[in-house]
Amino acid sequence: MQLTEESQKILQSNPYTEELQEVVDYTNQLLQDRQIAPTDIQWTILINHLSEMLMREREERSIPAVDPEMFAEISEEAIEIAQLVVDKVGKLPKDETFVLSIHFESAKQNEEETK
């Protein structure tokens, strides 16, 4: 994973830079293990989301509730990766897993488009 300038700015501007870097590295390893390769822009958007998640967890805030039915088309693999990342971040509601899974499902589509 090569971080763009924008991704680096997001990392550096987060008040929990070290923890965020750890979550990004963990996420990268999960994706590599599954041979999922986000594009640069997908990484930037994902890192921004991870940054926001970490701040919500540390500040004990949460996103609005989501309807799980809206995520019925998301693969089990994307949900599983998202849950592992959410667990790594800390105490966050299940809603975070569903919203985060969209990033992984989108990155999975990259592989299918190149086949």
N, C-alpha and C. Protein backbone atom coordinates (compact mmCIF):
# COMPACT_ATOMS: atom_id res chain seq x y z
N MET A 1 0.84 -1.17 0.00
CA MET A 1 0.00 0.00 0.00
C MET A 1 0.89 1.24 0.00
N GLN A 2 0.71 2.06 -1.01
CA GLN A 2 1.40 3.33 -1.11
C GLN A 2 0.40 4.42 -0.77
N LEU A 3 0.66 5.16 0.29
CA LEU A 3 -0.28 6.19 0.71
C LEU A 3 -0.13 7.45 -0.12
N THR A 4 -1.26 7.99 -0.55
CA THR A 4 -1.25 9.25 -1.28
C THR A 4 -0.96 10.39 -0.31
N GLU A 5 -0.69 11.54 -0.86
CA GLU A 5 -0.44 12.72 -0.03
C GLU A 5 -1.67 13.03 0.83
N GLU A 6 -2.84 12.88 0.24
CA GLU A 6 -4.08 13.14 0.97
C GLU A 6 -4.25 12.15 2.13
N SER A 7 -3.95 10.88 1.88
CA SER A 7 -4.04 9.87 2.95
C SER A 7 -3.07 10.19 4.08
N GLN A 8 -1.87 10.62 3.73
CA GLN A 8 -0.88 10.98 4.74
C GLN A 8 -1.35 12.17 5.58
N LYS A 9 -2.00 13.13 4.92
CA LYS A 9 -2.54 14.28 5.65
C LYS A 9 -3.60 13.84 6.66
N ILE A 10 -4.45 12.92 6.24
CA ILE A 10 -5.50 12.42 7.14
C ILE A 10 -4.86 11.75 8.35
N LEU A 11 -3.87 10.92 8.10
CA LEU A 11 -3.17 10.24 9.19
C LEU A 11 -2.53 11.23 10.16
N GLN A 12 -1.86 12.22 9.62
CA GLN A 12 -1.13 13.17 10.45
C GLN A 12 -2.05 14.13 11.20
N SER A 13 -3.23 14.38 10.67
CA SER A 13 -4.13 15.34 11.32
C SER A 13 -5.00 14.70 12.40
N ASN A 14 -5.03 13.38 12.45
CA ASN A 14 -5.83 12.70 13.47
C ASN A 14 -5.13 12.83 14.82
N PRO A 15 -5.88 13.19 15.88
CA PRO A 15 -5.24 13.32 17.20
C PRO A 15 -4.71 11.98 17.75
N TYR A 16 -5.11 10.89 17.13
CA TYR A 16 -4.68 9.55 17.58
C TYR A 16 -3.86 8.89 16.47
N THR A 17 -2.86 9.62 15.99
CA THR A 17 -2.09 9.20 14.83
C THR A 17 -1.53 7.78 14.94
N GLU A 18 -0.91 7.46 16.05
CA GLU A 18 -0.31 6.13 16.21
C GLU A 18 -1.36 5.03 16.15
N GLU A 19 -2.46 5.23 16.86
CA GLU A 19 -3.53 4.24 16.86
C GLU A 19 -4.14 4.09 15.46
N LEU A 20 -4.30 5.23 14.78
CA LEU A 20 -4.85 5.17 13.42
C LEU A 20 -3.91 4.42 12.49
N GLN A 21 -2.62 4.67 12.60
CA GLN A 21 -1.66 3.96 11.75
C GLN A 21 -1.73 2.46 12.02
N GLU A 22 -1.90 2.09 13.26
CA GLU A 22 -2.02 0.68 13.62
C GLU A 22 -3.28 0.06 12.99
N VAL A 23 -4.38 0.78 13.01
CA VAL A 23 -5.62 0.28 12.41
C VAL A 23 -5.48 0.20 10.88
N VAL A 24 -4.83 1.17 10.28
CA VAL A 24 -4.61 1.16 8.83
C VAL A 24 -3.73 -0.04 8.45
N ASP A 25 -2.66 -0.25 9.19
CA ASP A 25 -1.77 -1.39 8.92
C ASP A 25 -2.52 -2.72 9.08
N TYR A 26 -3.32 -2.82 10.12
CA TYR A 26 -4.11 -4.03 10.37
C TYR A 26 -5.09 -4.26 9.21
N THR A 27 -5.76 -3.21 8.80
CA THR A 27 -6.71 -3.31 7.69
C THR A 27 -6.00 -3.72 6.41
N ASN A 28 -4.85 -3.12 6.16
CA ASN A 28 -4.06 -3.46 4.98
C ASN A 28 -3.71 -4.95 4.98
N GLN A 29 -3.30 -5.47 6.13
CA GLN A 29 -2.94 -6.88 6.22
C GLN A 29 -4.15 -7.78 5.95
N LEU A 30 -5.31 -7.41 6.52
CA LEU A 30 -6.53 -8.19 6.27
C LEU A 30 -6.85 -8.23 4.78
N LEU A 31 -6.70 -7.10 4.12
CA LEU A 31 -7.01 -7.04 2.69
C LEU A 31 -5.98 -7.80 1.86
N GLN A 32 -4.71 -7.68 2.21
CA GLN A 32 -3.67 -8.44 1.50
C GLN A 32 -3.90 -9.93 1.64
N ASP A 33 -4.25 -10.37 2.85
CA ASP A 33 -4.50 -11.79 3.08
C ASP A 33 -5.61 -12.33 2.19
N ARG A 34 -6.54 -11.45 1.82
CA ARG A 34 -7.68 -11.86 0.99
C ARG A 34 -7.52 -11.43 -0.46
N GLN A 35 -6.35 -10.90 -0.78
CA GLN A 35 -6.03 -10.44 -2.13
C GLN A 35 -7.04 -9.42 -2.64
N ILE A 36 -7.37 -8.48 -1.77
CA ILE A 36 -8.25 -7.37 -2.12
C ILE A 36 -7.37 -6.12 -2.17
N ALA A 37 -7.42 -5.42 -3.30
CA ALA A 37 -6.53 -4.27 -3.49
C ALA A 37 -7.32 -3.01 -3.81
N PRO A 38 -7.57 -2.19 -2.78
CA PRO A 38 -8.25 -0.92 -3.04
C PRO A 38 -7.39 -0.01 -3.92
N THR A 39 -8.06 0.83 -4.70
CA THR A 39 -7.36 1.84 -5.49
C THR A 39 -6.86 2.93 -4.53
N ASP A 40 -6.04 3.83 -5.04
CA ASP A 40 -5.55 4.93 -4.20
C ASP A 40 -6.70 5.76 -3.62
N ILE A 41 -7.68 6.07 -4.46
CA ILE A 41 -8.80 6.87 -3.97
C ILE A 41 -9.63 6.08 -2.95
N GLN A 42 -9.78 4.79 -3.18
CA GLN A 42 -10.50 3.96 -2.20
C GLN A 42 -9.76 3.93 -0.87
N TRP A 43 -8.43 3.86 -0.92
CA TRP A 43 -7.64 3.89 0.32
C TRP A 43 -7.82 5.22 1.04
N THR A 44 -7.79 6.30 0.29
CA THR A 44 -7.94 7.62 0.91
C THR A 44 -9.29 7.73 1.61
N ILE A 45 -10.34 7.31 0.94
CA ILE A 45 -11.68 7.37 1.53
C ILE A 45 -11.76 6.43 2.74
N LEU A 46 -11.19 5.25 2.62
CA LEU A 46 -11.19 4.29 3.72
C LEU A 46 -10.42 4.83 4.93
N ILE A 47 -9.25 5.41 4.69
CA ILE A 47 -8.45 5.95 5.80
C ILE A 47 -9.21 7.10 6.48
N ASN A 48 -9.89 7.90 5.69
CA ASN A 48 -10.71 8.96 6.28
C ASN A 48 -11.79 8.37 7.17
N HIS A 49 -12.43 7.30 6.70
CA HIS A 49 -13.47 6.64 7.50
C HIS A 49 -12.88 6.05 8.77
N LEU A 50 -11.74 5.38 8.65
CA LEU A 50 -11.09 4.81 9.83
C LEU A 50 -10.71 5.90 10.83
N SER A 51 -10.26 7.02 10.32
CA SER A 51 -9.91 8.16 11.18
C SER A 51 -11.13 8.63 11.96
N GLU A 52 -12.23 8.79 11.25
CA GLU A 52 -13.48 9.23 11.90
C GLU A 52 -13.97 8.19 12.91
N MET A 53 -13.87 6.92 12.55
CA MET A 53 -14.28 5.84 13.47
C MET A 53 -13.48 5.89 14.76
N LEU A 54 -12.18 6.04 14.63
CA LEU A 54 -11.31 6.07 15.80
C LEU A 54 -11.66 7.26 16.69
N MET A 55 -11.92 8.40 16.09
CA MET A 55 -12.29 9.56 16.89
C MET A 55 -13.65 9.34 17.57
N ARG A 56 -14.60 8.75 16.86
CA ARG A 56 -15.90 8.46 17.48
C ARG A 56 -15.74 7.52 18.67
N GLU A 57 -14.90 6.51 18.49
CA GLU A 57 -14.71 5.54 19.58
C GLU A 57 -14.07 6.22 20.79
N ARG A 58 -13.04 7.01 20.56
CA ARG A 58 -12.32 7.66 21.66
C ARG A 58 -13.18 8.71 22.36
N GLU A 59 -14.06 9.35 21.58
CA GLU A 59 -14.90 10.42 22.12
C GLU A 59 -16.30 9.92 22.51
N GLU A 60 -16.49 8.60 22.42
CA GLU A 60 -17.75 7.95 22.78
C GLU A 60 -18.95 8.55 22.05
N ARG A 61 -18.77 8.71 20.74
CA ARG A 61 -19.85 9.16 19.86
C ARG A 61 -20.20 8.00 18.94
N SER A 62 -21.32 8.12 18.24
CA SER A 62 -21.67 7.06 17.29
C SER A 62 -22.37 7.65 16.08
N ILE A 63 -22.38 6.87 15.02
CA ILE A 63 -23.09 7.27 13.81
C ILE A 63 -24.58 6.99 14.01
N PRO A 64 -25.42 7.61 13.20
CA PRO A 64 -26.85 7.29 13.29
C PRO A 64 -27.09 5.81 12.97
N ALA A 65 -28.11 5.25 13.54
CA ALA A 65 -28.45 3.84 13.29
C ALA A 65 -28.76 3.64 11.81
N VAL A 66 -28.39 2.46 11.32
CA VAL A 66 -28.68 2.10 9.93
C VAL A 66 -29.56 0.86 9.91
N ASP A 67 -30.27 0.69 8.82
CA ASP A 67 -31.11 -0.49 8.64
C ASP A 67 -30.25 -1.59 8.02
N PRO A 68 -30.02 -2.68 8.74
CA PRO A 68 -29.18 -3.77 8.21
C PRO A 68 -29.66 -4.30 6.86
N GLU A 69 -30.94 -4.19 6.59
CA GLU A 69 -31.48 -4.66 5.31
C GLU A 69 -30.88 -3.90 4.13
N MET A 70 -30.45 -2.68 4.37
CA MET A 70 -29.84 -1.89 3.31
C MET A 70 -28.52 -2.51 2.84
N PHE A 71 -27.96 -3.39 3.65
CA PHE A 71 -26.65 -3.98 3.36
C PHE A 71 -26.76 -5.45 2.97
N ALA A 72 -27.94 -5.87 2.57
CA ALA A 72 -28.18 -7.27 2.23
C ALA A 72 -27.34 -7.74 1.05
N GLU A 73 -26.95 -6.83 0.19
CA GLU A 73 -26.16 -7.20 -1.00
C GLU A 73 -24.66 -7.26 -0.71
N ILE A 74 -24.25 -6.85 0.47
CA ILE A 74 -22.83 -6.87 0.84
C ILE A 74 -22.42 -8.31 1.16
N SER A 75 -21.27 -8.72 0.65
CA SER A 75 -20.80 -10.09 0.86
C SER A 75 -20.45 -10.35 2.32
N GLU A 76 -20.52 -11.62 2.69
CA GLU A 76 -20.12 -12.02 4.04
C GLU A 76 -18.65 -11.67 4.29
N GLU A 77 -17.84 -11.81 3.27
CA GLU A 77 -16.41 -11.51 3.41
C GLU A 77 -16.20 -10.04 3.78
N ALA A 78 -16.90 -9.13 3.10
CA ALA A 78 -16.76 -7.70 3.39
C ALA A 78 -17.25 -7.38 4.80
N ILE A 79 -18.35 -8.01 5.20
CA ILE A 79 -18.88 -7.80 6.56
C ILE A 79 -17.88 -8.33 7.59
N GLU A 80 -17.30 -9.50 7.30
CA GLU A 80 -16.33 -10.10 8.22
C GLU A 80 -15.10 -9.20 8.40
N ILE A 81 -14.57 -8.69 7.30
CA ILE A 81 -13.41 -7.80 7.38
C ILE A 81 -13.78 -6.56 8.20
N ALA A 82 -14.93 -6.00 7.90
CA ALA A 82 -15.37 -4.80 8.61
C ALA A 82 -15.51 -5.07 10.11
N GLN A 83 -16.06 -6.22 10.47
CA GLN A 83 -16.22 -6.53 11.89
C GLN A 83 -14.87 -6.67 12.58
N LEU A 84 -13.90 -7.28 11.91
CA LEU A 84 -12.56 -7.40 12.48
C LEU A 84 -11.94 -6.02 12.72
N VAL A 85 -12.13 -5.12 11.77
CA VAL A 85 -11.58 -3.77 11.91
C VAL A 85 -12.30 -3.01 13.02
N VAL A 86 -13.62 -3.12 13.06
CA VAL A 86 -14.39 -2.45 14.12
C VAL A 86 -13.95 -2.97 15.49
N ASP A 87 -13.76 -4.28 15.60
CA ASP A 87 -13.30 -4.86 16.86
C ASP A 87 -11.92 -4.33 17.24
N LYS A 88 -11.07 -4.14 16.24
CA LYS A 88 -9.71 -3.61 16.48
C LYS A 88 -9.78 -2.18 17.00
N VAL A 89 -10.70 -1.39 16.46
CA VAL A 89 -10.82 0.01 16.88
C VAL A 89 -11.31 0.09 18.32
N GLY A 90 -12.29 -0.72 18.66
CA GLY A 90 -12.78 -0.70 20.04
C GLY A 90 -14.28 -0.84 20.13
N LYS A 91 -14.85 -0.14 21.07
CA LYS A 91 -16.28 -0.27 21.36
C LYS A 91 -17.10 0.64 20.46
N LEU A 92 -17.59 0.07 19.38
CA LEU A 92 -18.42 0.79 18.43
C LEU A 92 -19.67 -0.04 18.14
N PRO A 93 -20.78 0.61 17.81
CA PRO A 93 -22.00 -0.13 17.52
C PRO A 93 -21.90 -0.91 16.21
N LYS A 94 -22.76 -1.90 16.07
CA LYS A 94 -22.80 -2.75 14.88
C LYS A 94 -23.00 -1.94 13.60
N ASP A 95 -23.65 -0.79 13.73
CA ASP A 95 -23.88 0.07 12.56
C ASP A 95 -22.57 0.40 11.85
N GLU A 96 -21.50 0.58 12.61
CA GLU A 96 -20.19 0.89 12.02
C GLU A 96 -19.74 -0.24 11.10
N THR A 97 -20.00 -1.47 11.49
CA THR A 97 -19.59 -2.62 10.68
C THR A 97 -20.26 -2.56 9.31
N PHE A 98 -21.56 -2.30 9.32
CA PHE A 98 -22.29 -2.26 8.04
C PHE A 98 -21.77 -1.14 7.14
N VAL A 99 -21.60 0.04 7.69
CA VAL A 99 -21.15 1.18 6.88
C VAL A 99 -19.72 0.94 6.38
N LEU A 100 -18.86 0.44 7.24
CA LEU A 100 -17.48 0.17 6.84
C LEU A 100 -17.39 -0.91 5.76
N SER A 101 -18.27 -1.87 5.81
CA SER A 101 -18.23 -2.99 4.85
C SER A 101 -18.34 -2.53 3.41
N ILE A 102 -18.97 -1.38 3.19
CA ILE A 102 -19.12 -0.87 1.83
C ILE A 102 -17.75 -0.64 1.18
N HIS A 103 -16.79 -0.17 1.96
CA HIS A 103 -15.44 0.07 1.43
C HIS A 103 -14.82 -1.23 0.92
N PHE A 104 -15.00 -2.29 1.67
CA PHE A 104 -14.38 -3.56 1.31
C PHE A 104 -15.11 -4.22 0.13
N GLU A 105 -16.42 -4.07 0.11
CA GLU A 105 -17.18 -4.61 -1.02
C GLU A 105 -16.79 -3.87 -2.30
N SER A 106 -16.64 -2.58 -2.21
CA SER A 106 -16.24 -1.78 -3.36
C SER A 106 -14.85 -2.20 -3.85
N ALA A 107 -13.92 -2.41 -2.94
CA ALA A 107 -12.57 -2.83 -3.32
C ALA A 107 -12.57 -4.23 -3.93
N LYS A 108 -13.46 -5.09 -3.43
CA LYS A 108 -13.58 -6.43 -4.03
C LYS A 108 -14.00 -6.34 -5.49
N GLN A 109 -14.81 -5.36 -5.80
CA GLN A 109 -15.30 -5.18 -7.17
C GLN A 109 -14.15 -4.88 -8.12
N ASN A 110 -13.08 -4.27 -7.62
CA ASN A 110 -11.90 -3.99 -8.47
C ASN A 110 -11.38 -5.29 -9.07
N GLU A 111 -11.29 -6.31 -8.25
CA GLU A 111 -10.76 -7.60 -8.70
C GLU A 111 -11.68 -8.23 -9.74
N GLU A 112 -12.98 -8.13 -9.51
CA GLU A 112 -13.93 -8.75 -10.44
C GLU A 112 -13.93 -8.03 -11.79
N GLU A 113 -13.69 -6.72 -11.76
CA GLU A 113 -13.68 -5.95 -13.01
C GLU A 113 -12.46 -6.27 -13.86
N THR A 114 -11.36 -6.72 -13.23
CA THR A 114 -10.15 -7.02 -14.00
C THR A 114 -10.13 -8.46 -14.50
N LYS A 115 -11.10 -9.26 -14.11
CA LYS A 115 -11.14 -10.66 -14.57
C LYS A 115 -11.77 -10.79 -15.92
